[in-house]
Amino acid sequence: MRGVLAVVVFAGATLTAGADDEKKYTSKDGKFAVAFPTDGKVKTTKQEVGGGLTINMVVAEGKDRAYSVMFMSLPEAAKDVPAKNILDGAEKGAIDKSGGKLIKSKEIEFGKAKHPGRDILVEKDGNKVRTWIIYTDTRIYVVLVGGPKDYASGKEAQAFFDSFEITK
């Protein structure tokens, strides 16, 4: 599963503007909503990764910044795996797969339900990718923003992360 999550975390997409909370993209399948930047064209794709797992990706494309939400439904057996193990594997896989350098890793709790998660920042070739990996008992969400220099840690990136919500 570690390699699968690495692919998810660093799937490519680019964009040029900040998030707009008034125009949220809603995924009924993914059970989430998020405010993608308004001038990016939102695209959805699915990728079969083996073992009956499918990665669903929602991205917006543009010039030199990445905004993406990915999700994957987990098999029932994953409920028996401690959240920390899943998050550790996802983080390690993301770093190994990208070939980037880990700058920051922090445990987080997401939403009112306090879902366990990880906030990581990785640097490679002058670009930084900030990623939230959120684990529910049935699904992993990967929310990411990437771009040159410190864009992934800036106000526009934070607005995108803050707009993300898990729905029913």
C-alpha atoms as a PDB file:
ATOM      1  CA  MET A   1       0.000   0.000   0.000  1.00  0.00           C
ATOM      2  CA  ARG A   2       2.973   2.299   0.635  1.00  0.00           C
ATOM      3  CA  GLY A   3       3.872   2.550  -3.065  1.00  0.00           C
ATOM      4  CA  VAL A   4       0.257   3.127  -4.066  1.00  0.00           C
ATOM      5  CA  LEU A   5      -0.068   6.071  -1.712  1.00  0.00           C
ATOM      6  CA  ALA A   6       3.183   7.545  -2.967  1.00  0.00           C
ATOM      7  CA  VAL A   7       1.779   7.591  -6.485  1.00  0.00           C
ATOM      8  CA  VAL A   8      -1.366   9.235  -5.167  1.00  0.00           C
ATOM      9  CA  VAL A   9       0.478  11.925  -3.250  1.00  0.00           C
ATOM     10  CA  PHE A  10       2.640  13.040  -6.135  1.00  0.00           C
ATOM     11  CA  ALA A  11       0.303  12.686  -9.114  1.00  0.00           C
ATOM     12  CA  GLY A  12       0.850  15.735 -11.295  1.00  0.00           C
ATOM     13  CA  ALA A  13      -1.510  18.666 -11.761  1.00  0.00           C
ATOM     14  CA  THR A  14      -0.895  22.396 -12.013  1.00  0.00           C
ATOM     15  CA  LEU A  15      -2.782  25.604 -11.416  1.00  0.00           C
ATOM     16  CA  THR A  16      -2.361  29.362 -11.084  1.00  0.00           C
ATOM     17  CA  ALA A  17      -4.823  30.934  -8.612  1.00  0.00           C
ATOM     18  CA  GLY A  18      -6.125  30.707  -5.032  1.00  0.00           C
ATOM     19  CA  ALA A  19      -9.133  28.831  -3.652  1.00  0.00           C
ATOM     20  CA  ASP A  20     -12.601  30.382  -3.690  1.00  0.00           C
ATOM     21  CA  ASP A  21     -14.798  29.137  -0.834  1.00  0.00           C
ATOM     22  CA  GLU A  22     -18.023  30.153  -2.580  1.00  0.00           C
ATOM     23  CA  LYS A  23     -17.606  27.686  -5.458  1.00  0.00           C
ATOM     24  CA  LYS A  24     -16.863  24.332  -3.926  1.00  0.00           C
ATOM     25  CA  TYR A  25     -16.378  21.219  -5.990  1.00  0.00           C
ATOM     26  CA  THR A  26     -18.434  18.396  -4.496  1.00  0.00           C
ATOM     27  CA  SER A  27     -17.702  14.715  -5.079  1.00  0.00           C
ATOM     28  CA  LYS A  28     -20.633  12.471  -4.201  1.00  0.00           C
ATOM     29  CA  ASP A  29     -18.502   9.388  -4.896  1.00  0.00           C
ATOM     30  CA  GLY A  30     -15.589  10.692  -2.864  1.00  0.00           C
ATOM     31  CA  LYS A  31     -17.783  12.165  -0.147  1.00  0.00           C
ATOM     32  CA  PHE A  32     -15.848  15.420  -0.008  1.00  0.00           C
ATOM     33  CA  ALA A  33     -16.049  19.060  -1.020  1.00  0.00           C
ATOM     34  CA  VAL A  34     -13.226  21.506  -1.718  1.00  0.00           C
ATOM     35  CA  ALA A  35     -12.783  24.953  -3.276  1.00  0.00           C
ATOM     36  CA  PHE A  36     -10.472  24.573  -6.253  1.00  0.00           C
ATOM     37  CA  PRO A  37      -9.092  27.848  -7.635  1.00  0.00           C
ATOM     38  CA  THR A  38     -11.636  29.398  -9.981  1.00  0.00           C
ATOM     39  CA  ASP A  39      -9.489  29.703 -13.094  1.00  0.00           C
ATOM     40  CA  GLY A  40      -8.370  26.072 -13.146  1.00  0.00           C
ATOM     41  CA  LYS A  41     -10.236  23.427 -15.136  1.00  0.00           C
ATOM     42  CA  VAL A  42     -11.187  20.561 -12.841  1.00  0.00           C
ATOM     43  CA  LYS A  43     -10.583  17.050 -14.200  1.00  0.00           C
ATOM     44  CA  THR A  44     -11.301  13.666 -12.671  1.00  0.00           C
ATOM     45  CA  THR A  45      -9.495  10.414 -13.376  1.00  0.00           C
ATOM     46  CA  LYS A  46      -9.337   6.921 -11.958  1.00  0.00           C
ATOM     47  CA  GLN A  47      -6.369   4.625 -11.853  1.00  0.00           C
ATOM     48  CA  GLU A  48      -6.500   0.920 -11.071  1.00  0.00           C
ATOM     49  CA  VAL A  49      -3.481   0.082  -8.950  1.00  0.00           C
ATOM     50  CA  GLY A  50      -3.936  -3.624  -8.382  1.00  0.00           C
ATOM     51  CA  GLY A  51      -5.242  -5.641  -5.516  1.00  0.00           C
ATOM     52  CA  GLY A  52      -8.738  -4.349  -6.228  1.00  0.00           C
ATOM     53  CA  LEU A  53      -7.740  -0.776  -5.330  1.00  0.00           C
ATOM     54  CA  THR A  54      -8.662   2.278  -7.356  1.00  0.00           C
ATOM     55  CA  ILE A  55      -7.217   5.750  -6.874  1.00  0.00           C
ATOM     56  CA  ASN A  56      -9.683   8.506  -7.716  1.00  0.00           C
ATOM     57  CA  MET A  57      -8.060  11.847  -8.533  1.00  0.00           C
ATOM     58  CA  VAL A  58      -9.587  15.282  -8.871  1.00  0.00           C
ATOM     59  CA  VAL A  59      -7.164  17.898 -10.168  1.00  0.00           C
ATOM     60  CA  ALA A  60      -7.188  21.357 -11.698  1.00  0.00           C
ATOM     61  CA  GLU A  61      -4.697  22.241 -14.425  1.00  0.00           C
ATOM     62  CA  GLY A  62      -2.806  25.423 -15.132  1.00  0.00           C
ATOM     63  CA  LYS A  63       0.737  26.816 -15.203  1.00  0.00           C
ATOM     64  CA  ASP A  64       3.070  25.918 -12.329  1.00  0.00           C
ATOM     65  CA  ARG A  65       1.072  24.996  -9.235  1.00  0.00           C
ATOM     66  CA  ALA A  66      -0.669  21.768  -8.224  1.00  0.00           C
ATOM     67  CA  TYR A  67      -4.008  21.405  -6.409  1.00  0.00           C
ATOM     68  CA  SER A  68      -5.428  17.936  -6.036  1.00  0.00           C
ATOM     69  CA  VAL A  69      -7.655  15.728  -3.931  1.00  0.00           C
ATOM     70  CA  MET A  70      -7.323  11.988  -4.227  1.00  0.00           C
ATOM     71  CA  PHE A  71      -9.173   9.253  -2.447  1.00  0.00           C
ATOM     72  CA  MET A  72      -9.046   5.512  -2.213  1.00  0.00           C
ATOM     73  CA  SER A  73     -11.501   3.158  -0.556  1.00  0.00           C
ATOM     74  CA  LEU A  74      -9.725   0.621   1.591  1.00  0.00           C
ATOM     75  CA  PRO A  75     -10.514  -3.072   1.988  1.00  0.00           C
ATOM     76  CA  GLU A  76     -12.277  -4.131   5.197  1.00  0.00           C
ATOM     77  CA  ALA A  77      -9.040  -5.659   6.511  1.00  0.00           C
ATOM     78  CA  ALA A  78      -7.515  -2.163   6.710  1.00  0.00           C
ATOM     79  CA  LYS A  79      -9.796  -1.407   9.656  1.00  0.00           C
ATOM     80  CA  ASP A  80      -7.590  -3.723  11.737  1.00  0.00           C
ATOM     81  CA  VAL A  81      -4.403  -1.786  10.898  1.00  0.00           C
ATOM     82  CA  PRO A  82      -3.543   1.047  13.305  1.00  0.00           C
ATOM     83  CA  ALA A  83      -3.959   4.485  11.731  1.00  0.00           C
ATOM     84  CA  LYS A  84      -0.376   5.396  12.636  1.00  0.00           C
ATOM     85  CA  ASN A  85       0.940   2.462  10.569  1.00  0.00           C
ATOM     86  CA  ILE A  86      -1.102   3.496   7.543  1.00  0.00           C
ATOM     87  CA  LEU A  87      -0.015   7.116   7.839  1.00  0.00           C
ATOM     88  CA  ASP A  88       3.646   6.148   8.389  1.00  0.00           C
ATOM     89  CA  GLY A  89       3.546   3.939   5.290  1.00  0.00           C
ATOM     90  CA  ALA A  90       1.858   6.607   3.202  1.00  0.00           C
ATOM     91  CA  GLU A  91       4.407   9.232   4.241  1.00  0.00           C
ATOM     92  CA  LYS A  92       7.415   6.993   3.645  1.00  0.00           C
ATOM     93  CA  GLY A  93       6.043   5.852   0.302  1.00  0.00           C
ATOM     94  CA  ALA A  94       5.398   9.421  -0.808  1.00  0.00           C
ATOM     95  CA  ILE A  95       8.928  10.504   0.027  1.00  0.00           C
ATOM     96  CA  ASP A  96      10.563   7.411  -1.485  1.00  0.00           C
ATOM     97  CA  LYS A  97       8.503   7.589  -4.683  1.00  0.00           C
ATOM     98  CA  SER A  98       9.063  11.308  -5.214  1.00  0.00           C
ATOM     99  CA  GLY A  99      12.771  11.225  -4.490  1.00  0.00           C
ATOM    100  CA  GLY A 100      12.211  14.432  -2.564  1.00  0.00           C
ATOM    101  CA  LYS A 101      13.476  15.538   0.824  1.00  0.00           C
ATOM    102  CA  LEU A 102      11.139  15.614   3.822  1.00  0.00           C
ATOM    103  CA  ILE A 103      11.083  19.088   5.335  1.00  0.00           C
ATOM    104  CA  LYS A 104       8.234  18.689   7.819  1.00  0.00           C
ATOM    105  CA  SER A 105       5.960  15.968   9.158  1.00  0.00           C
ATOM    106  CA  LYS A 106       3.253  16.621  11.710  1.00  0.00           C
ATOM    107  CA  GLU A 107       0.400  14.558  13.121  1.00  0.00           C
ATOM    108  CA  ILE A 108      -3.003  16.221  12.637  1.00  0.00           C
ATOM    109  CA  GLU A 109      -6.623  15.560  13.518  1.00  0.00           C
ATOM    110  CA  PHE A 110      -9.062  16.448  10.773  1.00  0.00           C
ATOM    111  CA  GLY A 111     -12.570  17.795  11.204  1.00  0.00           C
ATOM    112  CA  LYS A 112     -15.119  17.402  13.956  1.00  0.00           C
ATOM    113  CA  ALA A 113     -14.656  13.635  13.862  1.00  0.00           C
ATOM    114  CA  LYS A 114     -10.926  14.165  14.533  1.00  0.00           C
ATOM    115  CA  HIS A 115      -9.815  11.744  11.811  1.00  0.00           C
ATOM    116  CA  PRO A 116      -6.111  10.935  12.170  1.00  0.00           C
ATOM    117  CA  GLY A 117      -3.888  12.513   9.583  1.00  0.00           C
ATOM    118  CA  ARG A 118      -0.478  13.690   8.614  1.00  0.00           C
ATOM    119  CA  ASP A 119       0.664  17.059   7.269  1.00  0.00           C
ATOM    120  CA  ILE A 120       3.900  16.681   5.303  1.00  0.00           C
ATOM    121  CA  LEU A 121       6.055  19.044   3.294  1.00  0.00           C
ATOM    122  CA  VAL A 122       8.475  17.661   0.721  1.00  0.00           C
ATOM    123  CA  GLU A 123      10.992  19.536  -1.445  1.00  0.00           C
ATOM    124  CA  LYS A 124      12.411  18.482  -4.792  1.00  0.00           C
ATOM    125  CA  ASP A 125      14.089  20.494  -7.534  1.00  0.00           C
ATOM    126  CA  GLY A 126      13.085  23.863  -6.074  1.00  0.00           C
ATOM    127  CA  ASN A 127       9.429  22.902  -5.732  1.00  0.00           C
ATOM    128  CA  LYS A 128       7.597  22.063  -2.547  1.00  0.00           C
ATOM    129  CA  VAL A 129       4.542  19.879  -2.106  1.00  0.00           C
ATOM    130  CA  ARG A 130       2.452  20.101   1.043  1.00  0.00           C
ATOM    131  CA  THR A 131       0.199  17.120   1.581  1.00  0.00           C
ATOM    132  CA  TRP A 132      -2.496  16.207   4.049  1.00  0.00           C
ATOM    133  CA  ILE A 133      -3.079  12.471   4.325  1.00  0.00           C
ATOM    134  CA  ILE A 134      -6.351  11.818   6.162  1.00  0.00           C
ATOM    135  CA  TYR A 135      -7.437   8.351   7.249  1.00  0.00           C
ATOM    136  CA  THR A 136     -11.003   7.342   7.964  1.00  0.00           C
ATOM    137  CA  ASP A 137     -12.038   3.793   8.782  1.00  0.00           C
ATOM    138  CA  THR A 138     -12.933   3.185   5.135  1.00  0.00           C
ATOM    139  CA  ARG A 139     -10.920   5.621   3.080  1.00  0.00           C
ATOM    140  CA  ILE A 140      -7.720   7.576   2.638  1.00  0.00           C
ATOM    141  CA  TYR A 141      -7.876  11.164   1.393  1.00  0.00           C
ATOM    142  CA  VAL A 142      -4.807  12.902   0.035  1.00  0.00           C
ATOM    143  CA  VAL A 143      -5.095  16.675  -0.307  1.00  0.00           C
ATOM    144  CA  LEU A 144      -2.110  18.420  -1.844  1.00  0.00           C
ATOM    145  CA  VAL A 145      -0.787  21.724  -3.056  1.00  0.00           C
ATOM    146  CA  GLY A 146       2.535  22.114  -4.797  1.00  0.00           C
ATOM    147  CA  GLY A 147       4.477  24.836  -6.508  1.00  0.00           C
ATOM    148  CA  PRO A 148       7.710  26.772  -6.687  1.00  0.00           C
ATOM    149  CA  LYS A 149       9.536  28.035  -3.620  1.00  0.00           C
ATOM    150  CA  ASP A 150       7.190  28.413  -0.629  1.00  0.00           C
ATOM    151  CA  TYR A 151       3.877  28.511  -2.505  1.00  0.00           C
ATOM    152  CA  ALA A 152       2.650  25.274  -0.859  1.00  0.00           C
ATOM    153  CA  SER A 153       2.967  26.913   2.573  1.00  0.00           C
ATOM    154  CA  GLY A 154       1.379  30.231   1.627  1.00  0.00           C
ATOM    155  CA  LYS A 155      -2.048  31.835   2.092  1.00  0.00           C
ATOM    156  CA  GLU A 156      -3.600  30.534  -1.153  1.00  0.00           C
ATOM    157  CA  ALA A 157      -2.502  26.987  -0.391  1.00  0.00           C
ATOM    158  CA  GLN A 158      -3.830  27.211   3.175  1.00  0.00           C
ATOM    159  CA  ALA A 159      -7.192  28.468   1.869  1.00  0.00           C
ATOM    160  CA  PHE A 160      -7.420  25.344  -0.297  1.00  0.00           C
ATOM    161  CA  PHE A 161      -6.635  23.046   2.641  1.00  0.00           C
ATOM    162  CA  ASP A 162      -9.078  24.914   4.877  1.00  0.00           C
ATOM    163  CA  SER A 163     -11.852  24.524   2.278  1.00  0.00           C
ATOM    164  CA  PHE A 164     -11.575  20.716   2.250  1.00  0.00           C
ATOM    165  CA  GLU A 165     -14.352  18.861   4.046  1.00  0.00           C
ATOM    166  CA  ILE A 166     -15.497  15.263   4.256  1.00  0.00           C
ATOM    167  CA  THR A 167     -19.210  14.985   3.505  1.00  0.00           C
ATOM    168  CA  LYS A 168     -21.796  12.206   3.795  1.00  0.00           C
END
